Amino acid sequence: MNQTYDQSAKGGILGIITYLAMKYEVDPTLIAMSLPFLSAILAYASTKIGDPAIASFVGRSAKDGKPLNNGK
């Protein structure tokens, strides 16, 4: 379930960025070209904040003695 929250948060961030770019009349081509780059930045940030193995902001590392999933 943590992966679901993480991916939803990243999608929300990209949505907000896209909304603001459209609101301030940024070129749509530039927006489309920047989204993969922004996704990569979010994934990189996830490895620094959360568990690096799964690129998740909210994931836990197995070395912490906690499972990566809820066993569902």
PDB file of N, CA and C in Angstrom:
ATOM      1  N   MET A   1       0.817  -1.195   0.000  1.00  0.00           N
ATOM      2  CA  MET A   1       0.000   0.000   0.000  1.00  0.00           C
ATOM      3  C   MET A   1       0.865   1.265   0.000  1.00  0.00           C
ATOM      4  N   ASN A   2       2.050   1.187   0.598  1.00  0.00           N
ATOM      5  CA  ASN A   2       2.936   2.349   0.603  1.00  0.00           C
ATOM      6  C   ASN A   2       3.307   2.777  -0.804  1.00  0.00           C
ATOM      7  N   GLN A   3       3.505   1.803  -1.702  1.00  0.00           N
ATOM      8  CA  GLN A   3       3.849   2.119  -3.087  1.00  0.00           C
ATOM      9  C   GLN A   3       2.705   2.883  -3.748  1.00  0.00           C
ATOM     10  N   THR A   4       1.475   2.525  -3.430  1.00  0.00           N
ATOM     11  CA  THR A   4       0.322   3.223  -3.992  1.00  0.00           C
ATOM     12  C   THR A   4       0.305   4.681  -3.552  1.00  0.00           C
ATOM     13  N   TYR A   5       0.529   4.913  -2.281  1.00  0.00           N
ATOM     14  CA  TYR A   5       0.572   6.289  -1.774  1.00  0.00           C
ATOM     15  C   TYR A   5       1.707   7.079  -2.421  1.00  0.00           C
ATOM     16  N   ASP A   6       2.853   6.435  -2.535  1.00  0.00           N
ATOM     17  CA  ASP A   6       4.021   7.094  -3.097  1.00  0.00           C
ATOM     18  C   ASP A   6       3.778   7.496  -4.546  1.00  0.00           C
ATOM     19  N   GLN A   7       3.287   6.564  -5.351  1.00  0.00           N
ATOM     20  CA  GLN A   7       3.057   6.857  -6.764  1.00  0.00           C
ATOM     21  C   GLN A   7       1.935   7.881  -6.936  1.00  0.00           C
ATOM     22  N   SER A   8       0.931   7.827  -6.089  1.00  0.00           N
ATOM     23  CA  SER A   8      -0.154   8.817  -6.148  1.00  0.00           C
ATOM     24  C   SER A   8       0.365  10.211  -5.814  1.00  0.00           C
ATOM     25  N   ALA A   9       1.234  10.295  -4.826  1.00  0.00           N
ATOM     26  CA  ALA A   9       1.812  11.594  -4.459  1.00  0.00           C
ATOM     27  C   ALA A   9       2.653  12.155  -5.598  1.00  0.00           C
ATOM     28  N   LYS A  10       3.460  11.310  -6.224  1.00  0.00           N
ATOM     29  CA  LYS A  10       4.283  11.773  -7.349  1.00  0.00           C
ATOM     30  C   LYS A  10       3.408  12.224  -8.509  1.00  0.00           C
ATOM     31  N   GLY A  11       2.340  11.487  -8.785  1.00  0.00           N
ATOM     32  CA  GLY A  11       1.414  11.885  -9.843  1.00  0.00           C
ATOM     33  C   GLY A  11       0.735  13.204  -9.523  1.00  0.00           C
ATOM     34  N   GLY A  12       0.389  13.398  -8.267  1.00  0.00           N
ATOM     35  CA  GLY A  12      -0.213  14.658  -7.844  1.00  0.00           C
ATOM     36  C   GLY A  12       0.738  15.829  -8.015  1.00  0.00           C
ATOM     37  N   ILE A  13       1.990  15.607  -7.667  1.00  0.00           N
ATOM     38  CA  ILE A  13       2.997  16.668  -7.844  1.00  0.00           C
ATOM     39  C   ILE A  13       3.135  17.035  -9.316  1.00  0.00           C
ATOM     40  N   LEU A  14       3.204  16.014 -10.177  1.00  0.00           N
ATOM     41  CA  LEU A  14       3.300  16.283 -11.618  1.00  0.00           C
ATOM     42  C   LEU A  14       2.052  17.000 -12.127  1.00  0.00           C
ATOM     43  N   GLY A  15       0.892  16.639 -11.600  1.00  0.00           N
ATOM     44  CA  GLY A  15      -0.347  17.302 -11.997  1.00  0.00           C
ATOM     45  C   GLY A  15      -0.365  18.770 -11.607  1.00  0.00           C
ATOM     46  N   ILE A  16       0.093  19.062 -10.406  1.00  0.00           N
ATOM     47  CA  ILE A  16       0.144  20.452  -9.938  1.00  0.00           C
ATOM     48  C   ILE A  16       1.122  21.264 -10.782  1.00  0.00           C
ATOM     49  N   ILE A  17       2.280  20.676 -11.071  1.00  0.00           N
ATOM     50  CA  ILE A  17       3.269  21.371 -11.906  1.00  0.00           C
ATOM     51  C   ILE A  17       2.691  21.647 -13.290  1.00  0.00           C
ATOM     52  N   THR A  18       2.020  20.650 -13.868  1.00  0.00           N
ATOM     53  CA  THR A  18       1.416  20.832 -15.184  1.00  0.00           C
ATOM     54  C   THR A  18       0.334  21.901 -15.154  1.00  0.00           C
ATOM     55  N   TYR A  19      -0.501  21.867 -14.133  1.00  0.00           N
ATOM     56  CA  TYR A  19      -1.556  22.880 -13.994  1.00  0.00           C
ATOM     57  C   TYR A  19      -0.965  24.287 -13.928  1.00  0.00           C
ATOM     58  N   LEU A  20       0.043  24.460 -13.081  1.00  0.00           N
ATOM     59  CA  LEU A  20       0.641  25.780 -12.938  1.00  0.00           C
ATOM     60  C   LEU A  20       1.323  26.233 -14.225  1.00  0.00           C
ATOM     61  N   ALA A  21       1.972  25.302 -14.911  1.00  0.00           N
ATOM     62  CA  ALA A  21       2.622  25.661 -16.175  1.00  0.00           C
ATOM     63  C   ALA A  21       1.587  26.096 -17.216  1.00  0.00           C
ATOM     64  N   MET A  22       0.464  25.381 -17.275  1.00  0.00           N
ATOM     65  CA  MET A  22      -0.588  25.770 -18.222  1.00  0.00           C
ATOM     66  C   MET A  22      -1.219  27.109 -17.822  1.00  0.00           C
ATOM     67  N   LYS A  23      -1.379  27.327 -16.530  1.00  0.00           N
ATOM     68  CA  LYS A  23      -1.973  28.573 -16.040  1.00  0.00           C
ATOM     69  C   LYS A  23      -1.105  29.771 -16.414  1.00  0.00           C
ATOM     70  N   TYR A  24       0.214  29.589 -16.350  1.00  0.00           N
ATOM     71  CA  TYR A  24       1.129  30.680 -16.676  1.00  0.00           C
ATOM     72  C   TYR A  24       1.584  30.639 -18.127  1.00  0.00           C
ATOM     73  N   GLU A  25       0.827  29.896 -18.957  1.00  0.00           N
ATOM     74  CA  GLU A  25       0.990  29.874 -20.412  1.00  0.00           C
ATOM     75  C   GLU A  25       2.392  29.463 -20.863  1.00  0.00           C
ATOM     76  N   VAL A  26       2.929  28.442 -20.215  1.00  0.00           N
ATOM     77  CA  VAL A  26       4.187  27.857 -20.666  1.00  0.00           C
ATOM     78  C   VAL A  26       3.887  27.052 -21.927  1.00  0.00           C
ATOM     79  N   ASP A  27       4.817  27.025 -22.844  1.00  0.00           N
ATOM     80  CA  ASP A  27       4.638  26.300 -24.103  1.00  0.00           C
ATOM     81  C   ASP A  27       4.291  24.834 -23.831  1.00  0.00           C
ATOM     82  N   PRO A  28       3.185  24.335 -24.393  1.00  0.00           N
ATOM     83  CA  PRO A  28       2.779  22.946 -24.150  1.00  0.00           C
ATOM     84  C   PRO A  28       3.841  21.914 -24.542  1.00  0.00           C
ATOM     85  N   THR A  29       4.620  22.209 -25.573  1.00  0.00           N
ATOM     86  CA  THR A  29       5.694  21.289 -25.967  1.00  0.00           C
ATOM     87  C   THR A  29       6.744  21.194 -24.869  1.00  0.00           C
ATOM     88  N   LEU A  30       7.079  22.310 -24.284  1.00  0.00           N
ATOM     89  CA  LEU A  30       8.044  22.319 -23.194  1.00  0.00           C
ATOM     90  C   LEU A  30       7.517  21.541 -21.989  1.00  0.00           C
ATOM     91  N   ILE A  31       6.235  21.685 -21.704  1.00  0.00           N
ATOM     92  CA  ILE A  31       5.630  20.942 -20.592  1.00  0.00           C
ATOM     93  C   ILE A  31       5.733  19.448 -20.859  1.00  0.00           C
ATOM     94  N   ALA A  32       5.345  19.032 -22.062  1.00  0.00           N
ATOM     95  CA  ALA A  32       5.378  17.611 -22.412  1.00  0.00           C
ATOM     96  C   ALA A  32       6.794  17.050 -22.361  1.00  0.00           C
ATOM     97  N   MET A  33       7.764  17.829 -22.789  1.00  0.00           N
ATOM     98  CA  MET A  33       9.151  17.357 -22.780  1.00  0.00           C
ATOM     99  C   MET A  33       9.737  17.335 -21.372  1.00  0.00           C
ATOM    100  N   SER A  34       9.227  18.167 -20.483  1.00  0.00           N
ATOM    101  CA  SER A  34       9.798  18.252 -19.140  1.00  0.00           C
ATOM    102  C   SER A  34       9.241  17.206 -18.181  1.00  0.00           C
ATOM    103  N   LEU A  35       8.073  16.643 -18.460  1.00  0.00           N
ATOM    104  CA  LEU A  35       7.464  15.691 -17.523  1.00  0.00           C
ATOM    105  C   LEU A  35       8.319  14.447 -17.269  1.00  0.00           C
ATOM    106  N   PRO A  36       8.917  13.819 -18.285  1.00  0.00           N
ATOM    107  CA  PRO A  36       9.793  12.676 -17.975  1.00  0.00           C
ATOM    108  C   PRO A  36      11.001  13.086 -17.118  1.00  0.00           C
ATOM    109  N   PHE A  37      11.540  14.264 -17.373  1.00  0.00           N
ATOM    110  CA  PHE A  37      12.660  14.759 -16.581  1.00  0.00           C
ATOM    111  C   PHE A  37      12.239  14.981 -15.130  1.00  0.00           C
ATOM    112  N   LEU A  38      11.065  15.579 -14.940  1.00  0.00           N
ATOM    113  CA  LEU A  38      10.559  15.808 -13.584  1.00  0.00           C
ATOM    114  C   LEU A  38      10.269  14.483 -12.876  1.00  0.00           C
ATOM    115  N   SER A  39       9.777  13.493 -13.612  1.00  0.00           N
ATOM    116  CA  SER A  39       9.545  12.169 -13.029  1.00  0.00           C
ATOM    117  C   SER A  39      10.852  11.553 -12.559  1.00  0.00           C
ATOM    118  N   ALA A  40      11.898  11.714 -13.354  1.00  0.00           N
ATOM    119  CA  ALA A  40      13.211  11.187 -12.972  1.00  0.00           C
ATOM    120  C   ALA A  40      13.735  11.889 -11.718  1.00  0.00           C
ATOM    121  N   ILE A  41      13.507  13.181 -11.619  1.00  0.00           N
ATOM    122  CA  ILE A  41      13.937  13.924 -10.428  1.00  0.00           C
ATOM    123  C   ILE A  41      13.182  13.421  -9.191  1.00  0.00           C
ATOM    124  N   LEU A  42      11.887  13.193  -9.327  1.00  0.00           N
ATOM    125  CA  LEU A  42      11.104  12.672  -8.200  1.00  0.00           C
ATOM    126  C   LEU A  42      11.580  11.271  -7.801  1.00  0.00           C
ATOM    127  N   ALA A  43      11.887  10.437  -8.786  1.00  0.00           N
ATOM    128  CA  ALA A  43      12.387   9.093  -8.477  1.00  0.00           C
ATOM    129  C   ALA A  43      13.742   9.172  -7.772  1.00  0.00           C
ATOM    130  N   TYR A  44      14.606  10.067  -8.228  1.00  0.00           N
ATOM    131  CA  TYR A  44      15.911  10.236  -7.586  1.00  0.00           C
ATOM    132  C   TYR A  44      15.743  10.736  -6.150  1.00  0.00           C
ATOM    133  N   ALA A  45      14.840  11.695  -5.957  1.00  0.00           N
ATOM    134  CA  ALA A  45      14.587  12.200  -4.606  1.00  0.00           C
ATOM    135  C   ALA A  45      14.053  11.087  -3.709  1.00  0.00           C
ATOM    136  N   SER A  46      13.258  10.196  -4.276  1.00  0.00           N
ATOM    137  CA  SER A  46      12.726   9.074  -3.501  1.00  0.00           C
ATOM    138  C   SER A  46      13.838   8.168  -2.993  1.00  0.00           C
ATOM    139  N   THR A  47      14.873   7.992  -3.803  1.00  0.00           N
ATOM    140  CA  THR A  47      15.979   7.132  -3.362  1.00  0.00           C
ATOM    141  C   THR A  47      16.770   7.779  -2.236  1.00  0.00           C
ATOM    142  N   LYS A  48      16.760   9.090  -2.161  1.00  0.00           N
ATOM    143  CA  LYS A  48      17.495   9.795  -1.106  1.00  0.00           C
ATOM    144  C   LYS A  48      16.685   9.912   0.182  1.00  0.00           C
ATOM    145  N   ILE A  49      15.353   9.979   0.053  1.00  0.00           N
ATOM    146  CA  ILE A  49      14.500  10.172   1.221  1.00  0.00           C
ATOM    147  C   ILE A  49      14.016   8.841   1.784  1.00  0.00           C
ATOM    148  N   GLY A  50      13.510   7.976   0.909  1.00  0.00           N
ATOM    149  CA  GLY A  50      12.941   6.701   1.340  1.00  0.00           C
ATOM    150  C   GLY A  50      13.883   5.543   1.093  1.00  0.00           C
ATOM    151  N   ASP A  51      13.318   4.421   0.667  1.00  0.00           N
ATOM    152  CA  ASP A  51      14.096   3.220   0.401  1.00  0.00           C
ATOM    153  C   ASP A  51      14.701   3.293  -0.994  1.00  0.00           C
ATOM    154  N   PRO A  52      16.027   3.249  -1.106  1.00  0.00           N
ATOM    155  CA  PRO A  52      16.655   3.377  -2.422  1.00  0.00           C
ATOM    156  C   PRO A  52      16.357   2.219  -3.370  1.00  0.00           C
ATOM    157  N   ALA A  53      16.065   1.048  -2.844  1.00  0.00           N
ATOM    158  CA  ALA A  53      15.840  -0.116  -3.701  1.00  0.00           C
ATOM    159  C   ALA A  53      14.536  -0.012  -4.485  1.00  0.00           C
ATOM    160  N   ILE A  54      13.545   0.667  -3.938  1.00  0.00           N
ATOM    161  CA  ILE A  54      12.253   0.752  -4.623  1.00  0.00           C
ATOM    162  C   ILE A  54      11.870   2.180  -4.994  1.00  0.00           C
ATOM    163  N   ALA A  55      12.757   3.138  -4.766  1.00  0.00           N
ATOM    164  CA  ALA A  55      12.519   4.550  -5.108  1.00  0.00           C
ATOM    165  C   ALA A  55      11.183   5.031  -4.568  1.00  0.00           C
ATOM    166  N   SER A  56      11.007   4.854  -3.285  1.00  0.00           N
ATOM    167  CA  SER A  56       9.750   5.226  -2.649  1.00  0.00           C
ATOM    168  C   SER A  56      10.009   6.189  -1.502  1.00  0.00           C
ATOM    169  N   PHE A  57       9.232   7.280  -1.464  1.00  0.00           N
ATOM    170  CA  PHE A  57       9.338   8.218  -0.354  1.00  0.00           C
ATOM    171  C   PHE A  57       8.929   7.573   0.964  1.00  0.00           C
ATOM    172  N   VAL A  58       7.924   6.698   0.914  1.00  0.00           N
ATOM    173  CA  VAL A  58       7.361   6.143   2.131  1.00  0.00           C
ATOM    174  C   VAL A  58       7.773   4.694   2.384  1.00  0.00           C
ATOM    175  N   GLY A  59       8.536   4.094   1.480  1.00  0.00           N
ATOM    176  CA  GLY A  59       8.947   2.706   1.642  1.00  0.00           C
ATOM    177  C   GLY A  59       9.946   2.537   2.773  1.00  0.00           C
ATOM    178  N   ARG A  60       9.974   1.343   3.326  1.00  0.00           N
ATOM    179  CA  ARG A  60      10.925   1.046   4.394  1.00  0.00           C
ATOM    180  C   ARG A  60      11.978   0.083   3.871  1.00  0.00           C
ATOM    181  N   SER A  61      13.131   0.223   4.348  1.00  0.00           N
ATOM    182  CA  SER A  61      14.231  -0.635   3.932  1.00  0.00           C
ATOM    183  C   SER A  61      14.204  -1.950   4.694  1.00  0.00           C
ATOM    184  N   ALA A  62      14.560  -3.027   4.011  1.00  0.00           N
ATOM    185  CA  ALA A  62      14.614  -4.335   4.659  1.00  0.00           C
ATOM    186  C   ALA A  62      15.682  -4.349   5.749  1.00  0.00           C
ATOM    187  N   LYS A  63      16.721  -3.550   5.609  1.00  0.00           N
ATOM    188  CA  LYS A  63      17.777  -3.515   6.618  1.00  0.00           C
ATOM    189  C   LYS A  63      17.289  -2.910   7.939  1.00  0.00           C
ATOM    190  N   ASP A  64      16.146  -2.198   7.893  1.00  0.00           N
ATOM    191  CA  ASP A  64      15.555  -1.655   9.117  1.00  0.00           C
ATOM    192  C   ASP A  64      14.792  -2.721   9.897  1.00  0.00           C
ATOM    193  N   GLY A  65      14.737  -3.935   9.337  1.00  0.00           N
ATOM    194  CA  GLY A  65      14.027  -5.014   9.995  1.00  0.00           C
ATOM    195  C   GLY A  65      12.531  -4.979   9.768  1.00  0.00           C
ATOM    196  N   LYS A  66      12.108  -4.202   8.794  1.00  0.00           N
ATOM    197  CA  LYS A  66      10.685  -4.082   8.496  1.00  0.00           C
ATOM    198  C   LYS A  66      10.434  -4.578   7.082  1.00  0.00           C
ATOM    199  N   PRO A  67       9.327  -5.241   6.855  1.00  0.00           N
ATOM    200  CA  PRO A  67       9.053  -5.736   5.507  1.00  0.00           C
ATOM    201  C   PRO A  67       8.760  -4.616   4.534  1.00  0.00           C
ATOM    202  N   LEU A  68       9.062  -4.848   3.249  1.00  0.00           N
ATOM    203  CA  LEU A  68       8.784  -3.864   2.233  1.00  0.00           C
ATOM    204  C   LEU A  68       7.319  -3.842   1.844  1.00  0.00           C
ATOM    205  N   ASN A  69       6.585  -4.910   2.158  1.00  0.00           N
ATOM    206  CA  ASN A  69       5.144  -4.923   1.866  1.00  0.00           C
ATOM    207  C   ASN A  69       4.386  -5.370   3.104  1.00  0.00           C
ATOM    208  N   ASN A  70       3.094  -5.299   3.009  1.00  0.00           N
ATOM    209  CA  ASN A  70       2.246  -5.636   4.151  1.00  0.00           C
ATOM    210  C   ASN A  70       1.875  -7.107   4.182  1.00  0.00           C
ATOM    211  N   GLY A  71       2.394  -7.896   3.252  1.00  0.00           N
ATOM    212  CA  GLY A  71       2.098  -9.321   3.222  1.00  0.00           C
ATOM    213  C   GLY A  71       0.736  -9.642   2.648  1.00  0.00           C
ATOM    214  N   LYS A  72       0.176  -8.721   1.876  1.00  0.00           N
ATOM    215  CA  LYS A  72      -1.136  -8.966   1.274  1.00  0.00           C
ATOM    216  C   LYS A  72      -0.988  -9.753   0.004  1.00  0.00           C
TER     217      LYS A  72
END
